[in-house]
């Protein structure tokens, strides 16, 4: 008689999760550059010399955070399950129709901006209401795919990258005038 196989203990592969995050964003039609364009829109008024390269870099830094990756993958998976009509009926209806009183999509987005403080929250609220750029396309129900979670997630990543820039630019200013700078890695 064969011996049962011993179950291998679970071990998180961080690189696979990071790669999957970028892969699924792209597969769902969202590019890093489109998110960076939102960041530029949010920050150019405050930092006229800001470059797209800086915006892309900050988006990539936000996407490198495990909490962000978890939120991105969870939201995309829920959108896909809604497209496949694999959710329980009541939840299916709310997510498929992006029900205004269903706020879990925003709660998931808050888990992203929460990493970057109050500036992230205010930036998120602004882009969520305005729906500029890629957010307008993701929010367009006539185009087919369910993006109930994805539009909020993309807005939250952009808001977080904007907050990250604001914090870093403040630290740069303080260094320029010779002040002590608090050590932080946001």
C-alpha atoms as a PDB file:
ATOM      1  CA  UNK A   1       0.000   0.000   0.000  1.00  0.00           C
ATOM      2  CA  UNK A   2       1.289   3.460  -0.938  1.00  0.00           C
ATOM      3  CA  UNK A   3       2.116   5.894   1.808  1.00  0.00           C
ATOM      4  CA  UNK A   4       0.165   9.187   1.645  1.00  0.00           C
ATOM      5  CA  UNK A   5       2.279  12.066   0.454  1.00  0.00           C
ATOM      6  CA  UNK A   6       3.302  14.520   3.107  1.00  0.00           C
ATOM      7  CA  UNK A   7       1.903  17.971   2.453  1.00  0.00           C
ATOM      8  CA  UNK A   8       4.588  20.542   1.734  1.00  0.00           C
ATOM      9  CA  UNK A   9       4.191  23.579   4.001  1.00  0.00           C
ATOM     10  CA  UNK A  10       3.026  26.736   2.271  1.00  0.00           C
ATOM     11  CA  UNK A  11       5.691  29.302   1.523  1.00  0.00           C
ATOM     12  CA  UNK A  12       4.943  32.683  -0.031  1.00  0.00           C
ATOM     13  CA  UNK A  13       6.886  33.448  -3.194  1.00  0.00           C
ATOM     14  CA  UNK A  14       7.088  37.253  -3.160  1.00  0.00           C
ATOM     15  CA  UNK A  15       8.527  37.526  -6.667  1.00  0.00           C
ATOM     16  CA  UNK A  16       5.679  35.459  -8.121  1.00  0.00           C
ATOM     17  CA  UNK A  17       3.124  37.674  -6.389  1.00  0.00           C
ATOM     18  CA  UNK A  18       4.837  40.865  -7.613  1.00  0.00           C
ATOM     19  CA  UNK A  19       5.065  39.516 -11.166  1.00  0.00           C
ATOM     20  CA  UNK A  20       1.432  38.377 -11.069  1.00  0.00           C
ATOM     21  CA  UNK A  21       0.345  41.850  -9.960  1.00  0.00           C
ATOM     22  CA  UNK A  22       1.945  43.507 -12.975  1.00  0.00           C
ATOM     23  CA  UNK A  23       0.790  40.725 -15.297  1.00  0.00           C
ATOM     24  CA  UNK A  24      -2.851  40.945 -14.226  1.00  0.00           C
ATOM     25  CA  UNK A  25      -2.947  44.734 -14.393  1.00  0.00           C
ATOM     26  CA  UNK A  26      -1.659  44.526 -17.954  1.00  0.00           C
ATOM     27  CA  UNK A  27      -3.984  41.639 -18.829  1.00  0.00           C
ATOM     28  CA  UNK A  28      -6.903  43.749 -17.595  1.00  0.00           C
ATOM     29  CA  UNK A  29      -5.778  46.576 -19.885  1.00  0.00           C
ATOM     30  CA  UNK A  30      -3.993  48.886 -17.437  1.00  0.00           C
ATOM     31  CA  UNK A  31      -0.424  50.052 -18.002  1.00  0.00           C
ATOM     32  CA  UNK A  32       2.008  51.533 -15.513  1.00  0.00           C
ATOM     33  CA  UNK A  33       2.228  54.587 -17.796  1.00  0.00           C
ATOM     34  CA  UNK A  34      -1.535  55.162 -17.573  1.00  0.00           C
ATOM     35  CA  UNK A  35      -1.348  55.095 -13.787  1.00  0.00           C
ATOM     36  CA  UNK A  36       1.670  57.424 -13.926  1.00  0.00           C
ATOM     37  CA  UNK A  37      -0.367  59.867 -16.051  1.00  0.00           C
ATOM     38  CA  UNK A  38      -2.887  60.073 -13.202  1.00  0.00           C
ATOM     39  CA  UNK A  39      -0.026  60.744 -10.788  1.00  0.00           C
ATOM     40  CA  UNK A  40       1.261  63.529 -13.031  1.00  0.00           C
ATOM     41  CA  UNK A  41      -2.218  65.060 -13.194  1.00  0.00           C
ATOM     42  CA  UNK A  42      -2.446  65.005  -9.385  1.00  0.00           C
ATOM     43  CA  UNK A  43       1.027  66.424  -8.704  1.00  0.00           C
ATOM     44  CA  UNK A  44       2.100  68.725 -11.564  1.00  0.00           C
ATOM     45  CA  UNK A  45       0.440  71.761  -9.957  1.00  0.00           C
ATOM     46  CA  UNK A  46       2.600  71.319  -6.860  1.00  0.00           C
ATOM     47  CA  UNK A  47       5.808  70.152  -8.578  1.00  0.00           C
ATOM     48  CA  UNK A  48       6.080  71.771 -12.034  1.00  0.00           C
ATOM     49  CA  UNK A  49       9.421  70.030 -12.693  1.00  0.00           C
ATOM     50  CA  UNK A  50       8.007  66.565 -12.020  1.00  0.00           C
ATOM     51  CA  UNK A  51       8.804  64.103 -14.804  1.00  0.00           C
ATOM     52  CA  UNK A  52       6.895  61.103 -16.096  1.00  0.00           C
ATOM     53  CA  UNK A  53       9.909  58.986 -15.161  1.00  0.00           C
ATOM     54  CA  UNK A  54       9.478  60.030 -11.519  1.00  0.00           C
ATOM     55  CA  UNK A  55       5.777  59.234 -11.710  1.00  0.00           C
ATOM     56  CA  UNK A  56       6.443  55.782 -13.215  1.00  0.00           C
ATOM     57  CA  UNK A  57       9.099  55.097 -10.567  1.00  0.00           C
ATOM     58  CA  UNK A  58       6.701  55.979  -7.756  1.00  0.00           C
ATOM     59  CA  UNK A  59       3.916  53.840  -9.222  1.00  0.00           C
ATOM     60  CA  UNK A  60       6.360  50.931  -9.405  1.00  0.00           C
ATOM     61  CA  UNK A  61       7.405  51.532  -5.786  1.00  0.00           C
ATOM     62  CA  UNK A  62       3.774  51.489  -4.648  1.00  0.00           C
ATOM     63  CA  UNK A  63       3.171  48.275  -6.597  1.00  0.00           C
ATOM     64  CA  UNK A  64       6.191  46.694  -4.908  1.00  0.00           C
ATOM     65  CA  UNK A  65       4.402  46.735  -1.529  1.00  0.00           C
ATOM     66  CA  UNK A  66       2.929  43.386  -0.539  1.00  0.00           C
ATOM     67  CA  UNK A  67      -0.267  44.969   0.879  1.00  0.00           C
ATOM     68  CA  UNK A  68      -0.836  46.680  -2.463  1.00  0.00           C
ATOM     69  CA  UNK A  69      -0.187  43.496  -4.434  1.00  0.00           C
ATOM     70  CA  UNK A  70      -2.680  41.620  -2.266  1.00  0.00           C
ATOM     71  CA  UNK A  71      -5.365  44.256  -2.853  1.00  0.00           C
ATOM     72  CA  UNK A  72      -4.711  44.408  -6.615  1.00  0.00           C
ATOM     73  CA  UNK A  73      -4.908  40.650  -7.072  1.00  0.00           C
ATOM     74  CA  UNK A  74      -7.963  40.275  -4.831  1.00  0.00           C
ATOM     75  CA  UNK A  75      -9.873  43.024  -6.640  1.00  0.00           C
ATOM     76  CA  UNK A  76      -9.007  41.728 -10.097  1.00  0.00           C
ATOM     77  CA  UNK A  77     -10.037  38.211  -9.078  1.00  0.00           C
ATOM     78  CA  UNK A  78     -13.404  39.459  -7.822  1.00  0.00           C
ATOM     79  CA  UNK A  79     -13.986  41.357 -11.093  1.00  0.00           C
ATOM     80  CA  UNK A  80     -13.159  38.207 -13.094  1.00  0.00           C
ATOM     81  CA  UNK A  81     -15.470  36.057 -10.962  1.00  0.00           C
ATOM     82  CA  UNK A  82     -18.238  38.616 -11.530  1.00  0.00           C
ATOM     83  CA  UNK A  83     -17.664  38.455 -15.312  1.00  0.00           C
ATOM     84  CA  UNK A  84     -17.909  34.669 -15.145  1.00  0.00           C
ATOM     85  CA  UNK A  85     -21.060  34.954 -12.999  1.00  0.00           C
ATOM     86  CA  UNK A  86     -19.503  32.754 -10.308  1.00  0.00           C
ATOM     87  CA  UNK A  87     -20.515  34.824  -7.286  1.00  0.00           C
ATOM     88  CA  UNK A  88     -23.544  34.216  -5.100  1.00  0.00           C
ATOM     89  CA  UNK A  89     -26.535  35.921  -6.771  1.00  0.00           C
ATOM     90  CA  UNK A  90     -26.908  38.911  -4.457  1.00  0.00           C
ATOM     91  CA  UNK A  91     -23.195  39.717  -4.548  1.00  0.00           C
ATOM     92  CA  UNK A  92     -23.110  38.995  -8.283  1.00  0.00           C
ATOM     93  CA  UNK A  93     -25.769  41.631  -8.945  1.00  0.00           C
ATOM     94  CA  UNK A  94     -24.066  44.282  -6.809  1.00  0.00           C
ATOM     95  CA  UNK A  95     -20.598  43.800  -8.273  1.00  0.00           C
ATOM     96  CA  UNK A  96     -21.744  43.348 -11.889  1.00  0.00           C
ATOM     97  CA  UNK A  97     -23.731  46.573 -11.676  1.00  0.00           C
ATOM     98  CA  UNK A  98     -21.160  48.482  -9.599  1.00  0.00           C
ATOM     99  CA  UNK A  99     -23.913  49.208  -7.094  1.00  0.00           C
ATOM    100  CA  UNK A 100     -23.419  52.650  -5.546  1.00  0.00           C
ATOM    101  CA  UNK A 101     -24.271  51.409  -2.048  1.00  0.00           C
ATOM    102  CA  UNK A 102     -21.785  48.532  -2.301  1.00  0.00           C
ATOM    103  CA  UNK A 103     -18.627  50.109  -0.876  1.00  0.00           C
ATOM    104  CA  UNK A 104     -16.318  47.123  -0.533  1.00  0.00           C
ATOM    105  CA  UNK A 105     -14.507  48.119  -3.730  1.00  0.00           C
ATOM    106  CA  UNK A 106     -13.625  51.447  -2.087  1.00  0.00           C
ATOM    107  CA  UNK A 107     -12.690  49.686   1.165  1.00  0.00           C
ATOM    108  CA  UNK A 108     -10.203  47.546  -0.757  1.00  0.00           C
ATOM    109  CA  UNK A 109      -8.812  50.718  -2.371  1.00  0.00           C
ATOM    110  CA  UNK A 110      -8.499  52.290   1.103  1.00  0.00           C
ATOM    111  CA  UNK A 111      -6.238  49.404   2.112  1.00  0.00           C
ATOM    112  CA  UNK A 112      -3.830  50.653  -0.568  1.00  0.00           C
ATOM    113  CA  UNK A 113      -3.940  54.368   0.246  1.00  0.00           C
ATOM    114  CA  UNK A 114      -3.768  53.619   3.968  1.00  0.00           C
ATOM    115  CA  UNK A 115      -0.100  52.716   3.449  1.00  0.00           C
ATOM    116  CA  UNK A 116       0.607  56.328   2.375  1.00  0.00           C
ATOM    117  CA  UNK A 117      -1.327  58.507   4.797  1.00  0.00           C
ATOM    118  CA  UNK A 118      -3.932  61.244   4.572  1.00  0.00           C
ATOM    119  CA  UNK A 119      -2.636  62.772   1.324  1.00  0.00           C
ATOM    120  CA  UNK A 120      -3.301  59.423  -0.310  1.00  0.00           C
ATOM    121  CA  UNK A 121      -6.885  59.445   0.960  1.00  0.00           C
ATOM    122  CA  UNK A 122      -7.634  62.930  -0.324  1.00  0.00           C
ATOM    123  CA  UNK A 123      -6.000  62.219  -3.694  1.00  0.00           C
ATOM    124  CA  UNK A 124      -7.985  58.983  -3.955  1.00  0.00           C
ATOM    125  CA  UNK A 125     -11.278  60.735  -3.219  1.00  0.00           C
ATOM    126  CA  UNK A 126     -10.472  63.330  -5.865  1.00  0.00           C
ATOM    127  CA  UNK A 127      -9.650  60.867  -8.672  1.00  0.00           C
ATOM    128  CA  UNK A 128     -12.503  58.559  -7.675  1.00  0.00           C
ATOM    129  CA  UNK A 129     -14.978  61.397  -8.118  1.00  0.00           C
ATOM    130  CA  UNK A 130     -13.386  62.922 -11.239  1.00  0.00           C
ATOM    131  CA  UNK A 131     -12.518  59.622 -13.006  1.00  0.00           C
ATOM    132  CA  UNK A 132      -9.805  61.088 -15.277  1.00  0.00           C
ATOM    133  CA  UNK A 133      -7.817  59.190 -17.906  1.00  0.00           C
ATOM    134  CA  UNK A 134      -7.732  55.426 -17.565  1.00  0.00           C
ATOM    135  CA  UNK A 135     -10.329  55.595 -14.762  1.00  0.00           C
ATOM    136  CA  UNK A 136     -12.952  56.896 -17.190  1.00  0.00           C
ATOM    137  CA  UNK A 137     -12.330  53.919 -19.499  1.00  0.00           C
ATOM    138  CA  UNK A 138     -12.355  51.420 -16.626  1.00  0.00           C
ATOM    139  CA  UNK A 139     -15.585  52.880 -15.289  1.00  0.00           C
ATOM    140  CA  UNK A 140     -17.364  52.719 -18.687  1.00  0.00           C
ATOM    141  CA  UNK A 141     -19.859  49.860 -18.295  1.00  0.00           C
ATOM    142  CA  UNK A 142     -20.595  49.789 -22.050  1.00  0.00           C
ATOM    143  CA  UNK A 143     -17.112  48.429 -22.846  1.00  0.00           C
ATOM    144  CA  UNK A 144     -17.817  44.998 -21.392  1.00  0.00           C
ATOM    145  CA  UNK A 145     -15.412  43.868 -18.700  1.00  0.00           C
ATOM    146  CA  UNK A 146     -16.377  44.216 -15.068  1.00  0.00           C
ATOM    147  CA  UNK A 147     -13.990  46.689 -13.450  1.00  0.00           C
ATOM    148  CA  UNK A 148     -15.898  47.391 -10.247  1.00  0.00           C
ATOM    149  CA  UNK A 149     -12.775  46.831  -8.177  1.00  0.00           C
ATOM    150  CA  UNK A 150     -10.115  47.666 -10.762  1.00  0.00           C
ATOM    151  CA  UNK A 151     -11.063  51.318 -11.290  1.00  0.00           C
ATOM    152  CA  UNK A 152     -10.836  51.957  -7.544  1.00  0.00           C
ATOM    153  CA  UNK A 153      -7.584  50.012  -7.243  1.00  0.00           C
ATOM    154  CA  UNK A 154      -5.936  51.945 -10.087  1.00  0.00           C
ATOM    155  CA  UNK A 155      -7.101  55.229  -8.561  1.00  0.00           C
ATOM    156  CA  UNK A 156      -5.710  54.156  -5.197  1.00  0.00           C
ATOM    157  CA  UNK A 157      -2.322  53.199  -6.670  1.00  0.00           C
ATOM    158  CA  UNK A 158      -2.112  56.596  -8.411  1.00  0.00           C
ATOM    159  CA  UNK A 159      -3.167  58.418  -5.230  1.00  0.00           C
ATOM    160  CA  UNK A 160      -0.580  56.494  -3.220  1.00  0.00           C
ATOM    161  CA  UNK A 161       2.191  57.257  -5.710  1.00  0.00           C
ATOM    162  CA  UNK A 162       1.169  60.922  -5.540  1.00  0.00           C
ATOM    163  CA  UNK A 163       1.362  60.849  -1.767  1.00  0.00           C
ATOM    164  CA  UNK A 164       4.743  59.147  -1.941  1.00  0.00           C
ATOM    165  CA  UNK A 165       6.005  61.950  -4.205  1.00  0.00           C
ATOM    166  CA  UNK A 166       4.662  64.635  -1.859  1.00  0.00           C
ATOM    167  CA  UNK A 167       6.406  63.057   1.140  1.00  0.00           C
ATOM    168  CA  UNK A 168       9.677  62.661  -0.761  1.00  0.00           C
ATOM    169  CA  UNK A 169       9.615  66.205  -2.168  1.00  0.00           C
ATOM    170  CA  UNK A 170       9.059  67.585   1.331  1.00  0.00           C
ATOM    171  CA  UNK A 171      12.065  65.618   2.582  1.00  0.00           C
ATOM    172  CA  UNK A 172      14.153  66.957  -0.338  1.00  0.00           C
ATOM    173  CA  UNK A 173      13.153  70.535   0.581  1.00  0.00           C
ATOM    174  CA  UNK A 174      14.151  69.983   4.180  1.00  0.00           C
ATOM    175  CA  UNK A 175      17.551  68.625   3.132  1.00  0.00           C
ATOM    176  CA  UNK A 176      18.073  71.632   0.850  1.00  0.00           C
ATOM    177  CA  UNK A 177      17.537  74.078   3.714  1.00  0.00           C
ATOM    178  CA  UNK A 178      19.656  72.023   6.084  1.00  0.00           C
ATOM    179  CA  UNK A 179      16.944  70.657   8.390  1.00  0.00           C
ATOM    180  CA  UNK A 180      17.099  67.241   9.985  1.00  0.00           C
ATOM    181  CA  UNK A 181      14.915  64.840   8.040  1.00  0.00           C
ATOM    182  CA  UNK A 182      12.854  62.089   9.630  1.00  0.00           C
ATOM    183  CA  UNK A 183      13.904  58.680   8.361  1.00  0.00           C
ATOM    184  CA  UNK A 184      10.967  56.934   6.699  1.00  0.00           C
ATOM    185  CA  UNK A 185      10.520  54.469   3.892  1.00  0.00           C
ATOM    186  CA  UNK A 186       7.087  55.160   2.528  1.00  0.00           C
END
